[in-house]
Amino acid sequence: MRIPALVAAAAILLTACGTTENPATTTSASAGGPVTVTDARGKNVELEAPARKVVALEWGEAEIVTSLGVMPVGVADTAGYKTWNAAAPLDASVKDIGKRSEPSVDAIVALDPDVVVIAEERDSTLVPQLEKYVPVVVTKSSDASRNLDRLREDVRMIAKAVGKSAEGDKLLSDMDAKLAEGKKALEGKGVAGTPFFMADGWLEGSTVSIRPFGKGSLVSDIAEQVGLKNAWTGQVDPQWGLGQTDVEGLSVLTDPKTVLFYSASEDDVFTTGLAQNPVWQRLPFVASKKVTKFAGGTWTFGGPKSVASIADQVVRAVTA
């Protein structure tokens, strides 16, 4: 799965069939008192009651809803979620409502949800269509200037929408405790400040494209929060903190103490596409075998449980 295409192209592709359908059903209310949340647009979204039937169009948001104890009724690309996000498994009851980049309005509205949770970059054309039939809460989803604080705000907003604010606070408290625990472990081992490089990648023909997780990406913030230092200084985008390079571009990483973490829940181009590459073989972290592949199902754009899992894996690798 080429994750970059899904992230980058989401707003563009929403003009396809998922946004031109004409659903016929309407929403229903859950039991409980009215709820108003102010979403990432600054819009007050009024719900007749805490949402019990939730559709989540992005996997990070689906993880948050599930972690709060509310199993979504619909998620985009459920098969992909199961491959890429093992932090908060979905039940078999969760319906697939189409691609993350091209969800089906018909499929969403047919589930009669109380609310749809959607990431900010998807709101240009899809949100107005959905709001004809169902309340929509828009999350910030990513902000490379403050990703952990942004995540906390998204969690609290979603938790309020589903009437699980106490559970949301506990989720965040557990996440912060895990980060503090990791920082203490690195300091105890005398490895705080270790430089790291994180990336994923994919094949385009016979060429391996590498996407660095630069400073400001969520996964970089996790590693820095436990005390490591991001060694990648190349240009990254302001929302996701993601860059672009090839194997030759990695030759700027010369510090022999640098460790590499990479994500590959499907095709592993770092072992299949780069293993015999002489430039790759000479990189210090490859030559010294300081390379860690995140476990399958590690979602680097996820919620608090993904954050805790990544912190665990980073700390375990550096302190081993």
C-alpha atoms as a PDB file:
ATOM      1  CA  MET A   1       0.000   0.000   0.000  1.00  0.00           C
ATOM      2  CA  ARG A   2       1.390   3.372  -0.970  1.00  0.00           C
ATOM      3  CA  ILE A   3       0.384   5.428   2.044  1.00  0.00           C
ATOM      4  CA  PRO A   4       1.787   8.709   0.721  1.00  0.00           C
ATOM      5  CA  ALA A   5      -0.668   8.691  -2.155  1.00  0.00           C
ATOM      6  CA  LEU A   6      -3.557   8.179   0.214  1.00  0.00           C
ATOM      7  CA  VAL A   7      -2.516  11.053   2.425  1.00  0.00           C
ATOM      8  CA  ALA A   8      -1.504  13.515  -0.236  1.00  0.00           C
ATOM      9  CA  ALA A   9      -4.243  12.864  -2.749  1.00  0.00           C
ATOM     10  CA  ALA A  10      -7.180  12.599  -0.399  1.00  0.00           C
ATOM     11  CA  ALA A  11      -8.575  16.087  -0.921  1.00  0.00           C
ATOM     12  CA  ILE A  12      -8.234  15.859  -4.683  1.00  0.00           C
ATOM     13  CA  LEU A  13      -9.873  12.501  -5.135  1.00  0.00           C
ATOM     14  CA  LEU A  14     -12.966  13.386  -3.162  1.00  0.00           C
ATOM     15  CA  THR A  15     -14.520  14.812  -6.303  1.00  0.00           C
ATOM     16  CA  ALA A  16     -15.139  11.271  -7.545  1.00  0.00           C
ATOM     17  CA  CYS A  17     -18.296   9.202  -7.241  1.00  0.00           C
ATOM     18  CA  GLY A  18     -18.434   9.252  -3.429  1.00  0.00           C
ATOM     19  CA  THR A  19     -19.295  12.943  -3.545  1.00  0.00           C
ATOM     20  CA  THR A  20     -21.894  12.854  -6.296  1.00  0.00           C
ATOM     21  CA  GLU A  21     -24.318  10.303  -4.938  1.00  0.00           C
ATOM     22  CA  ASN A  22     -27.776  11.175  -3.672  1.00  0.00           C
ATOM     23  CA  PRO A  23     -28.509   9.284  -0.444  1.00  0.00           C
ATOM     24  CA  ALA A  24     -32.095   8.969   0.657  1.00  0.00           C
ATOM     25  CA  THR A  25     -31.909   8.087   4.354  1.00  0.00           C
ATOM     26  CA  THR A  26     -31.616  10.485   7.305  1.00  0.00           C
ATOM     27  CA  THR A  27     -29.937  10.408  10.726  1.00  0.00           C
ATOM     28  CA  SER A  28     -31.338   9.190  14.014  1.00  0.00           C
ATOM     29  CA  ALA A  29     -30.585  10.295  17.570  1.00  0.00           C
ATOM     30  CA  SER A  30     -28.941   8.392  20.435  1.00  0.00           C
ATOM     31  CA  ALA A  31     -30.194   8.387  24.014  1.00  0.00           C
ATOM     32  CA  GLY A  32     -28.827  11.093  26.343  1.00  0.00           C
ATOM     33  CA  GLY A  33     -28.593  14.874  26.525  1.00  0.00           C
ATOM     34  CA  PRO A  34     -27.535  17.277  23.779  1.00  0.00           C
ATOM     35  CA  VAL A  35     -23.842  17.729  23.028  1.00  0.00           C
ATOM     36  CA  THR A  36     -22.094  20.609  21.258  1.00  0.00           C
ATOM     37  CA  VAL A  37     -18.479  20.324  20.122  1.00  0.00           C
ATOM     38  CA  THR A  38     -16.359  22.951  18.387  1.00  0.00           C
ATOM     39  CA  ASP A  39     -14.438  21.195  15.648  1.00  0.00           C
ATOM     40  CA  ALA A  40     -11.228  22.027  13.763  1.00  0.00           C
ATOM     41  CA  ARG A  41     -13.148  24.423  11.507  1.00  0.00           C
ATOM     42  CA  GLY A  42     -14.224  26.426  14.538  1.00  0.00           C
ATOM     43  CA  LYS A  43     -17.775  25.275  13.850  1.00  0.00           C
ATOM     44  CA  ASN A  44     -20.117  24.332  16.682  1.00  0.00           C
ATOM     45  CA  VAL A  45     -21.518  20.904  15.818  1.00  0.00           C
ATOM     46  CA  GLU A  46     -24.696  20.160  17.732  1.00  0.00           C
ATOM     47  CA  LEU A  47     -25.681  16.568  18.465  1.00  0.00           C
ATOM     48  CA  GLU A  48     -29.007  15.616  19.981  1.00  0.00           C
ATOM     49  CA  ALA A  49     -27.171  13.191  22.267  1.00  0.00           C
ATOM     50  CA  PRO A  50     -23.699  11.649  22.641  1.00  0.00           C
ATOM     51  CA  ALA A  51     -23.013   9.767  19.424  1.00  0.00           C
ATOM     52  CA  ARG A  52     -23.218   5.999  19.586  1.00  0.00           C
ATOM     53  CA  LYS A  53     -23.221   5.266  15.853  1.00  0.00           C
ATOM     54  CA  VAL A  54     -19.995   6.748  14.498  1.00  0.00           C
ATOM     55  CA  VAL A  55     -18.445   6.645  11.037  1.00  0.00           C
ATOM     56  CA  ALA A  56     -14.719   7.480  10.875  1.00  0.00           C
ATOM     57  CA  LEU A  57     -13.110   8.217   7.535  1.00  0.00           C
ATOM     58  CA  GLU A  58      -9.477   8.267   8.655  1.00  0.00           C
ATOM     59  CA  TRP A  59      -7.679   5.500  10.541  1.00  0.00           C
ATOM     60  CA  GLY A  60      -6.283   7.704  13.288  1.00  0.00           C
ATOM     61  CA  GLU A  61      -9.784   8.898  14.114  1.00  0.00           C
ATOM     62  CA  ALA A  62     -11.152   5.338  13.871  1.00  0.00           C
ATOM     63  CA  GLU A  63      -8.505   4.251  16.378  1.00  0.00           C
ATOM     64  CA  ILE A  64      -9.482   7.048  18.772  1.00  0.00           C
ATOM     65  CA  VAL A  65     -13.201   6.222  18.591  1.00  0.00           C
ATOM     66  CA  THR A  66     -12.490   2.534  19.160  1.00  0.00           C
ATOM     67  CA  SER A  67     -10.084   3.273  22.016  1.00  0.00           C
ATOM     68  CA  LEU A  68     -12.831   5.254  23.745  1.00  0.00           C
ATOM     69  CA  GLY A  69     -14.985   2.134  23.851  1.00  0.00           C
ATOM     70  CA  VAL A  70     -17.264   3.016  20.945  1.00  0.00           C
ATOM     71  CA  MET A  71     -16.989   0.576  18.055  1.00  0.00           C
ATOM     72  CA  PRO A  72     -17.553   2.558  14.834  1.00  0.00           C
ATOM     73  CA  VAL A  73     -20.391   1.425  12.589  1.00  0.00           C
ATOM     74  CA  GLY A  74     -18.336   2.343   9.523  1.00  0.00           C
ATOM     75  CA  VAL A  75     -14.678   2.964   8.657  1.00  0.00           C
ATOM     76  CA  ALA A  76     -12.981   3.661   5.349  1.00  0.00           C
ATOM     77  CA  ASP A  77     -10.925   0.743   3.994  1.00  0.00           C
ATOM     78  CA  THR A  78     -11.383  -1.634   6.923  1.00  0.00           C
ATOM     79  CA  ALA A  79      -8.988  -4.164   5.385  1.00  0.00           C
ATOM     80  CA  GLY A  80      -6.265  -1.542   5.227  1.00  0.00           C
ATOM     81  CA  TYR A  81      -6.952  -0.506   8.801  1.00  0.00           C
ATOM     82  CA  LYS A  82      -6.510  -4.072   9.977  1.00  0.00           C
ATOM     83  CA  THR A  83      -3.158  -4.245   8.152  1.00  0.00           C
ATOM     84  CA  TRP A  84      -1.811  -0.890   9.294  1.00  0.00           C
ATOM     85  CA  ASN A  85      -3.338  -0.275  12.706  1.00  0.00           C
ATOM     86  CA  ALA A  86      -3.247  -3.040  15.299  1.00  0.00           C
ATOM     87  CA  ALA A  87      -3.434  -0.670  18.274  1.00  0.00           C
ATOM     88  CA  ALA A  88      -7.241  -0.727  18.514  1.00  0.00           C
ATOM     89  CA  PRO A  89      -8.740  -3.619  16.494  1.00  0.00           C
ATOM     90  CA  LEU A  90     -12.072  -3.247  14.741  1.00  0.00           C
ATOM     91  CA  ASP A  91     -14.905  -5.717  15.223  1.00  0.00           C
ATOM     92  CA  ALA A  92     -16.151  -7.738  12.275  1.00  0.00           C
ATOM     93  CA  SER A  93     -19.361  -5.689  12.552  1.00  0.00           C
ATOM     94  CA  VAL A  94     -17.677  -2.523  11.244  1.00  0.00           C
ATOM     95  CA  LYS A  95     -18.762  -1.781   7.685  1.00  0.00           C
ATOM     96  CA  ASP A  96     -16.340  -0.704   4.968  1.00  0.00           C
ATOM     97  CA  ILE A  97     -17.608   2.565   3.510  1.00  0.00           C
ATOM     98  CA  GLY A  98     -15.103   2.783   0.669  1.00  0.00           C
ATOM     99  CA  LYS A  99     -11.620   4.090   0.126  1.00  0.00           C
ATOM    100  CA  ARG A 100     -10.084   6.658   2.461  1.00  0.00           C
ATOM    101  CA  SER A 101      -9.547   8.870  -0.565  1.00  0.00           C
ATOM    102  CA  GLU A 102     -12.976   8.124  -2.050  1.00  0.00           C
ATOM    103  CA  PRO A 103     -15.573   7.141   0.546  1.00  0.00           C
ATOM    104  CA  SER A 104     -19.139   6.422  -0.530  1.00  0.00           C
ATOM    105  CA  VAL A 105     -21.718   8.928   0.686  1.00  0.00           C
ATOM    106  CA  ASP A 106     -24.425   6.352   0.009  1.00  0.00           C
ATOM    107  CA  ALA A 107     -22.677   3.740   2.161  1.00  0.00           C
ATOM    108  CA  ILE A 108     -22.101   6.242   4.969  1.00  0.00           C
ATOM    109  CA  VAL A 109     -25.656   7.547   5.118  1.00  0.00           C
ATOM    110  CA  ALA A 110     -27.112   4.054   4.790  1.00  0.00           C
ATOM    111  CA  LEU A 111     -25.533   3.265   8.172  1.00  0.00           C
ATOM    112  CA  ASP A 112     -27.693   6.009   9.718  1.00  0.00           C
ATOM    113  CA  PRO A 113     -24.818   7.329  11.865  1.00  0.00           C
ATOM    114  CA  ASP A 114     -25.169   9.859  14.678  1.00  0.00           C
ATOM    115  CA  VAL A 115     -21.986  11.588  13.499  1.00  0.00           C
ATOM    116  CA  VAL A 116     -19.233  11.298  10.898  1.00  0.00           C
ATOM    117  CA  VAL A 117     -15.681  12.064  12.032  1.00  0.00           C
ATOM    118  CA  ILE A 118     -13.560  13.302   9.178  1.00  0.00           C
ATOM    119  CA  ALA A 119     -10.020  14.666   8.891  1.00  0.00           C
ATOM    120  CA  GLU A 120      -9.597  18.312   7.961  1.00  0.00           C
ATOM    121  CA  GLU A 121      -7.980  17.819   4.562  1.00  0.00           C
ATOM    122  CA  ARG A 122     -11.040  15.895   3.373  1.00  0.00           C
ATOM    123  CA  ASP A 123     -13.543  18.683   4.053  1.00  0.00           C
ATOM    124  CA  SER A 124     -13.424  20.656   0.792  1.00  0.00           C
ATOM    125  CA  THR A 125     -16.229  18.861  -1.044  1.00  0.00           C
ATOM    126  CA  LEU A 126     -17.300  15.878   1.042  1.00  0.00           C
ATOM    127  CA  VAL A 127     -18.291  17.648   4.252  1.00  0.00           C
ATOM    128  CA  PRO A 128     -21.046  19.815   2.725  1.00  0.00           C
ATOM    129  CA  GLN A 129     -22.524  16.762   1.025  1.00  0.00           C
ATOM    130  CA  LEU A 130     -22.497  14.702   4.218  1.00  0.00           C
ATOM    131  CA  GLU A 131     -23.911  17.537   6.309  1.00  0.00           C
ATOM    132  CA  LYS A 132     -27.117  17.379   4.285  1.00  0.00           C
ATOM    133  CA  TYR A 133     -27.792  14.079   6.059  1.00  0.00           C
ATOM    134  CA  VAL A 134     -25.679  13.768   9.211  1.00  0.00           C
ATOM    135  CA  PRO A 135     -23.650  15.936  11.636  1.00  0.00           C
ATOM    136  CA  VAL A 136     -19.963  16.029  10.743  1.00  0.00           C
ATOM    137  CA  VAL A 137     -17.081  16.655  13.145  1.00  0.00           C
ATOM    138  CA  VAL A 138     -13.824  17.708  11.467  1.00  0.00           C
ATOM    139  CA  THR A 139     -10.536  16.940  13.204  1.00  0.00           C
ATOM    140  CA  LYS A 140      -7.238  18.751  12.729  1.00  0.00           C
ATOM    141  CA  SER A 141      -5.666  15.351  12.014  1.00  0.00           C
ATOM    142  CA  SER A 142      -2.051  16.589  11.803  1.00  0.00           C
ATOM    143  CA  ASP A 143      -0.120  19.786  12.471  1.00  0.00           C
ATOM    144  CA  ALA A 144       3.643  19.606  12.185  1.00  0.00           C
ATOM    145  CA  SER A 145       4.062  22.597  14.487  1.00  0.00           C
ATOM    146  CA  ARG A 146       2.387  20.881  17.466  1.00  0.00           C
ATOM    147  CA  ASN A 147       1.353  17.333  16.695  1.00  0.00           C
ATOM    148  CA  LEU A 148       1.108  15.860  20.196  1.00  0.00           C
ATOM    149  CA  ASP A 149      -0.930  18.798  21.487  1.00  0.00           C
ATOM    150  CA  ARG A 150      -3.043  18.613  18.323  1.00  0.00           C
ATOM    151  CA  LEU A 151      -3.673  14.929  19.029  1.00  0.00           C
ATOM    152  CA  ARG A 152      -4.756  15.724  22.569  1.00  0.00           C
ATOM    153  CA  GLU A 153      -7.264  18.277  21.234  1.00  0.00           C
ATOM    154  CA  ASP A 154      -8.641  15.821  18.664  1.00  0.00           C
ATOM    155  CA  VAL A 155      -9.042  13.123  21.324  1.00  0.00           C
ATOM    156  CA  ARG A 156     -10.873  15.447  23.722  1.00  0.00           C
ATOM    157  CA  MET A 157     -13.173  16.673  20.932  1.00  0.00           C
ATOM    158  CA  ILE A 158     -14.068  13.170  19.755  1.00  0.00           C
ATOM    159  CA  ALA A 159     -14.473  11.975  23.341  1.00  0.00           C
ATOM    160  CA  LYS A 160     -16.962  14.769  24.030  1.00  0.00           C
ATOM    161  CA  ALA A 161     -18.897  13.947  20.864  1.00  0.00           C
ATOM    162  CA  VAL A 162     -19.345  10.330  21.950  1.00  0.00           C
ATOM    163  CA  GLY A 163     -19.944  11.133  25.624  1.00  0.00           C
ATOM    164  CA  LYS A 164     -16.658   9.598  26.770  1.00  0.00           C
ATOM    165  CA  SER A 165     -14.708  12.562  28.122  1.00  0.00           C
ATOM    166  CA  ALA A 166     -13.480  10.685  31.202  1.00  0.00           C
ATOM    167  CA  GLU A 167     -12.284   7.844  28.983  1.00  0.00           C
ATOM    168  CA  GLY A 168     -10.556  10.375  26.745  1.00  0.00           C
ATOM    169  CA  ASP A 169      -8.716  11.897  29.679  1.00  0.00           C
ATOM    170  CA  LYS A 170      -7.612   8.414  30.790  1.00  0.00           C
ATOM    171  CA  LEU A 171      -6.434   7.593  27.266  1.00  0.00           C
ATOM    172  CA  LEU A 172      -4.281  10.723  27.197  1.00  0.00           C
ATOM    173  CA  SER A 173      -3.009  10.174  30.730  1.00  0.00           C
ATOM    174  CA  ASP A 174      -1.883   6.666  29.800  1.00  0.00           C
ATOM    175  CA  MET A 175      -0.156   8.014  26.684  1.00  0.00           C
ATOM    176  CA  ASP A 176       1.707  10.687  28.621  1.00  0.00           C
ATOM    177  CA  ALA A 177       2.734   8.160  31.256  1.00  0.00           C
ATOM    178  CA  LYS A 178       4.164   5.909  28.541  1.00  0.00           C
ATOM    179  CA  LEU A 179       6.177   8.788  27.069  1.00  0.00           C
ATOM    180  CA  ALA A 180       7.511   9.753  30.509  1.00  0.00           C
ATOM    181  CA  GLU A 181       8.379   6.129  31.238  1.00  0.00           C
ATOM    182  CA  GLY A 182      10.295   5.909  27.959  1.00  0.00           C
ATOM    183  CA  LYS A 183      12.230   9.089  28.643  1.00  0.00           C
ATOM    184  CA  LYS A 184      13.236   7.794  32.066  1.00  0.00           C
ATOM    185  CA  ALA A 185      14.394   4.498  30.549  1.00  0.00           C
ATOM    186  CA  LEU A 186      16.596   6.238  27.957  1.00  0.00           C
ATOM    187  CA  GLU A 187      18.099   8.514  30.569  1.00  0.00           C
ATOM    188  CA  GLY A 188      18.751   5.533  32.797  1.00  0.00           C
ATOM    189  CA  LYS A 189      20.679   3.823  30.018  1.00  0.00           C
ATOM    190  CA  GLY A 190      22.615   6.976  29.161  1.00  0.00           C
ATOM    191  CA  VAL A 191      21.352   7.041  25.568  1.00  0.00           C
ATOM    192  CA  ALA A 192      19.248  10.220  25.651  1.00  0.00           C
ATOM    193  CA  GLY A 193      20.040  12.408  22.655  1.00  0.00           C
ATOM    194  CA  THR A 194      20.724   9.496  20.312  1.00  0.00           C
ATOM    195  CA  PRO A 195      20.133  10.695  16.715  1.00  0.00           C
ATOM    196  CA  PHE A 196      17.457   8.863  14.733  1.00  0.00           C
ATOM    197  CA  PHE A 197      16.069   8.719  11.213  1.00  0.00           C
ATOM    198  CA  MET A 198      12.535   7.477  10.498  1.00  0.00           C
ATOM    199  CA  ALA A 199      11.000   6.730   7.126  1.00  0.00           C
ATOM    200  CA  ASP A 200       8.732   4.613   5.008  1.00  0.00           C
ATOM    201  CA  GLY A 201       9.071   3.979   1.316  1.00  0.00           C
ATOM    202  CA  TRP A 202       7.713   2.417  -1.842  1.00  0.00           C
ATOM    203  CA  LEU A 203       8.757   1.263  -5.284  1.00  0.00           C
ATOM    204  CA  GLU A 204       8.014   3.285  -8.426  1.00  0.00           C
ATOM    205  CA  GLY A 205       9.089   0.956 -11.194  1.00  0.00           C
ATOM    206  CA  SER A 206      12.552  -0.101 -10.117  1.00  0.00           C
ATOM    207  CA  THR A 207      13.201   3.075  -8.101  1.00  0.00           C
ATOM    208  CA  VAL A 208      12.798   3.197  -4.346  1.00  0.00           C
ATOM    209  CA  SER A 209      11.282   6.436  -3.085  1.00  0.00           C
ATOM    210  CA  ILE A 210      11.878   7.194   0.569  1.00  0.00           C
ATOM    211  CA  ARG A 211       9.682   9.400   2.727  1.00  0.00           C
ATOM    212  CA  PRO A 212      11.470  10.752   5.798  1.00  0.00           C
ATOM    213  CA  PHE A 213       9.462  11.533   8.914  1.00  0.00           C
ATOM    214  CA  GLY A 214      10.955  14.946   9.649  1.00  0.00           C
ATOM    215  CA  LYS A 215      10.756  17.099  12.726  1.00  0.00           C
ATOM    216  CA  GLY A 216       7.109  17.796  13.482  1.00  0.00           C
ATOM    217  CA  SER A 217       5.723  14.518  12.196  1.00  0.00           C
ATOM    218  CA  LEU A 218       3.808  12.676  14.897  1.00  0.00           C
ATOM    219  CA  VAL A 219       6.212   9.751  15.002  1.00  0.00           C
ATOM    220  CA  SER A 220       9.188  12.119  15.258  1.00  0.00           C
ATOM    221  CA  ASP A 221       7.502  13.970  18.120  1.00  0.00           C
ATOM    222  CA  ILE A 222       7.107  10.644  19.924  1.00  0.00           C
ATOM    223  CA  ALA A 223      10.800   9.809  19.585  1.00  0.00           C
ATOM    224  CA  GLU A 224      11.833  13.309  20.602  1.00  0.00           C
ATOM    225  CA  GLN A 225       9.471  13.224  23.575  1.00  0.00           C
ATOM    226  CA  VAL A 226      11.322  10.201  24.961  1.00  0.00           C
ATOM    227  CA  GLY A 227      14.650  11.952  24.444  1.00  0.00           C
ATOM    228  CA  LEU A 228      15.979  11.158  20.965  1.00  0.00           C
ATOM    229  CA  LYS A 229      17.039  13.700  18.321  1.00  0.00           C
ATOM    230  CA  ASN A 230      15.781  13.708  14.736  1.00  0.00           C
ATOM    231  CA  ALA A 231      18.782  13.621  12.380  1.00  0.00           C
ATOM    232  CA  TRP A 232      16.780  14.482   9.247  1.00  0.00           C
ATOM    233  CA  THR A 233      17.027  18.195   8.424  1.00  0.00           C
ATOM    234  CA  GLY A 234      15.651  18.099   4.884  1.00  0.00           C
ATOM    235  CA  GLN A 235      12.524  19.961   3.803  1.00  0.00           C
ATOM    236  CA  VAL A 236       9.200  18.628   5.091  1.00  0.00           C
ATOM    237  CA  ASP A 237       5.600  19.695   4.606  1.00  0.00           C
ATOM    238  CA  PRO A 238       3.931  21.868   7.264  1.00  0.00           C
ATOM    239  CA  GLN A 239       1.001  19.558   7.989  1.00  0.00           C
ATOM    240  CA  TRP A 240       2.491  16.066   8.236  1.00  0.00           C
ATOM    241  CA  GLY A 241       6.211  16.811   8.688  1.00  0.00           C
ATOM    242  CA  LEU A 242       6.989  14.485   5.795  1.00  0.00           C
ATOM    243  CA  GLY A 243       9.811  14.809   3.278  1.00  0.00           C
ATOM    244  CA  GLN A 244      10.893  13.095   0.091  1.00  0.00           C
ATOM    245  CA  THR A 245      14.250  11.679  -0.953  1.00  0.00           C
ATOM    246  CA  ASP A 246      15.993   8.743  -2.563  1.00  0.00           C
ATOM    247  CA  VAL A 247      18.731   6.497  -1.242  1.00  0.00           C
ATOM    248  CA  GLU A 248      21.446   8.907  -2.384  1.00  0.00           C
ATOM    249  CA  GLY A 249      19.754  11.617  -0.309  1.00  0.00           C
ATOM    250  CA  LEU A 250      20.394   9.594   2.825  1.00  0.00           C
ATOM    251  CA  SER A 251      24.152  10.056   2.439  1.00  0.00           C
ATOM    252  CA  VAL A 252      23.834  13.252   4.542  1.00  0.00           C
ATOM    253  CA  LEU A 253      23.258  11.016   7.566  1.00  0.00           C
ATOM    254  CA  THR A 254      26.859  10.467   8.614  1.00  0.00           C
ATOM    255  CA  ASP A 255      26.704  10.286  12.416  1.00  0.00           C
ATOM    256  CA  PRO A 256      27.658   6.693  13.327  1.00  0.00           C
ATOM    257  CA  LYS A 257      25.366   6.821  16.364  1.00  0.00           C
ATOM    258  CA  THR A 258      22.258   7.325  14.170  1.00  0.00           C
ATOM    259  CA  VAL A 259      19.570   4.653  14.396  1.00  0.00           C
ATOM    260  CA  LEU A 260      16.975   3.967  11.683  1.00  0.00           C
ATOM    261  CA  PHE A 261      13.316   3.156  12.262  1.00  0.00           C
ATOM    262  CA  TYR A 262      11.077   2.341   9.329  1.00  0.00           C
ATOM    263  CA  SER A 263       7.483   1.387   8.716  1.00  0.00           C
ATOM    264  CA  ALA A 264       6.439  -1.337   6.254  1.00  0.00           C
ATOM    265  CA  SER A 265       3.303  -3.276   7.116  1.00  0.00           C
ATOM    266  CA  GLU A 266       3.019  -4.440   3.492  1.00  0.00           C
ATOM    267  CA  ASP A 267       5.879  -4.291   0.949  1.00  0.00           C
ATOM    268  CA  ASP A 268       9.245  -3.860   2.679  1.00  0.00           C
ATOM    269  CA  VAL A 269      11.318  -1.917   0.167  1.00  0.00           C
ATOM    270  CA  PHE A 270      14.081  -1.418   2.696  1.00  0.00           C
ATOM    271  CA  THR A 271      14.979  -5.095   2.536  1.00  0.00           C
ATOM    272  CA  THR A 272      13.756  -6.051  -0.930  1.00  0.00           C
ATOM    273  CA  GLY A 273      14.508  -2.891  -2.891  1.00  0.00           C
ATOM    274  CA  LEU A 274      17.579  -1.569  -1.114  1.00  0.00           C
ATOM    275  CA  ALA A 275      19.369  -4.570   0.347  1.00  0.00           C
ATOM    276  CA  GLN A 276      21.817  -4.870  -2.559  1.00  0.00           C
ATOM    277  CA  ASN A 277      22.182  -1.136  -3.138  1.00  0.00           C
ATOM    278  CA  PRO A 278      25.835  -0.131  -2.474  1.00  0.00           C
ATOM    279  CA  VAL A 279      24.841   3.366  -1.288  1.00  0.00           C
ATOM    280  CA  TRP A 280      22.407   1.848   1.173  1.00  0.00           C
ATOM    281  CA  GLN A 281      24.962  -0.667   2.403  1.00  0.00           C
ATOM    282  CA  ARG A 282      27.442   2.114   3.208  1.00  0.00           C
ATOM    283  CA  LEU A 283      25.006   4.145   5.323  1.00  0.00           C
ATOM    284  CA  PRO A 284      26.235   4.111   8.935  1.00  0.00           C
ATOM    285  CA  PHE A 285      23.061   2.696  10.481  1.00  0.00           C
ATOM    286  CA  VAL A 286      22.943  -0.086   7.893  1.00  0.00           C
ATOM    287  CA  ALA A 287      26.636  -0.961   8.251  1.00  0.00           C
ATOM    288  CA  SER A 288      26.300  -1.058  12.053  1.00  0.00           C
ATOM    289  CA  LYS A 289      22.917  -2.861  11.869  1.00  0.00           C
ATOM    290  CA  LYS A 290      21.158  -0.122  13.836  1.00  0.00           C
ATOM    291  CA  VAL A 291      17.973  -0.662  11.837  1.00  0.00           C
ATOM    292  CA  THR A 292      14.571  -1.334  13.404  1.00  0.00           C
ATOM    293  CA  LYS A 293      11.443  -2.168  11.460  1.00  0.00           C
ATOM    294  CA  PHE A 294       8.290  -1.168  13.316  1.00  0.00           C
ATOM    295  CA  ALA A 295       6.048  -4.117  14.059  1.00  0.00           C
ATOM    296  CA  GLY A 296       3.320  -4.881  11.541  1.00  0.00           C
ATOM    297  CA  GLY A 297       0.226  -2.821  12.274  1.00  0.00           C
ATOM    298  CA  THR A 298       2.160   0.185  13.604  1.00  0.00           C
ATOM    299  CA  TRP A 299       0.227   3.204  12.338  1.00  0.00           C
ATOM    300  CA  THR A 300       2.488   6.247  12.344  1.00  0.00           C
ATOM    301  CA  PHE A 301      -0.473   8.635  12.003  1.00  0.00           C
ATOM    302  CA  GLY A 302      -2.562   7.104  14.771  1.00  0.00           C
ATOM    303  CA  GLY A 303      -4.046   7.915  18.150  1.00  0.00           C
ATOM    304  CA  PRO A 304      -2.802   7.588  21.731  1.00  0.00           C
ATOM    305  CA  LYS A 305      -2.525   3.789  21.620  1.00  0.00           C
ATOM    306  CA  SER A 306      -0.384   3.989  18.480  1.00  0.00           C
ATOM    307  CA  VAL A 307       1.740   6.626  20.201  1.00  0.00           C
ATOM    308  CA  ALA A 308       2.292   4.322  23.181  1.00  0.00           C
ATOM    309  CA  SER A 309       3.171   1.399  20.923  1.00  0.00           C
ATOM    310  CA  ILE A 310       5.694   3.455  18.940  1.00  0.00           C
ATOM    311  CA  ALA A 311       7.263   4.815  22.130  1.00  0.00           C
ATOM    312  CA  ASP A 312       7.662   1.266  23.417  1.00  0.00           C
ATOM    313  CA  GLN A 313       9.318   0.095  20.198  1.00  0.00           C
ATOM    314  CA  VAL A 314      11.672   3.076  20.001  1.00  0.00           C
ATOM    315  CA  VAL A 315      12.789   2.763  23.618  1.00  0.00           C
ATOM    316  CA  ARG A 316      13.227  -0.993  23.382  1.00  0.00           C
ATOM    317  CA  ALA A 317      15.432  -0.649  20.281  1.00  0.00           C
ATOM    318  CA  VAL A 318      17.656   2.095  21.652  1.00  0.00           C
ATOM    319  CA  THR A 319      18.129   0.584  25.104  1.00  0.00           C
ATOM    320  CA  ALA A 320      18.727  -2.987  23.925  1.00  0.00           C
END
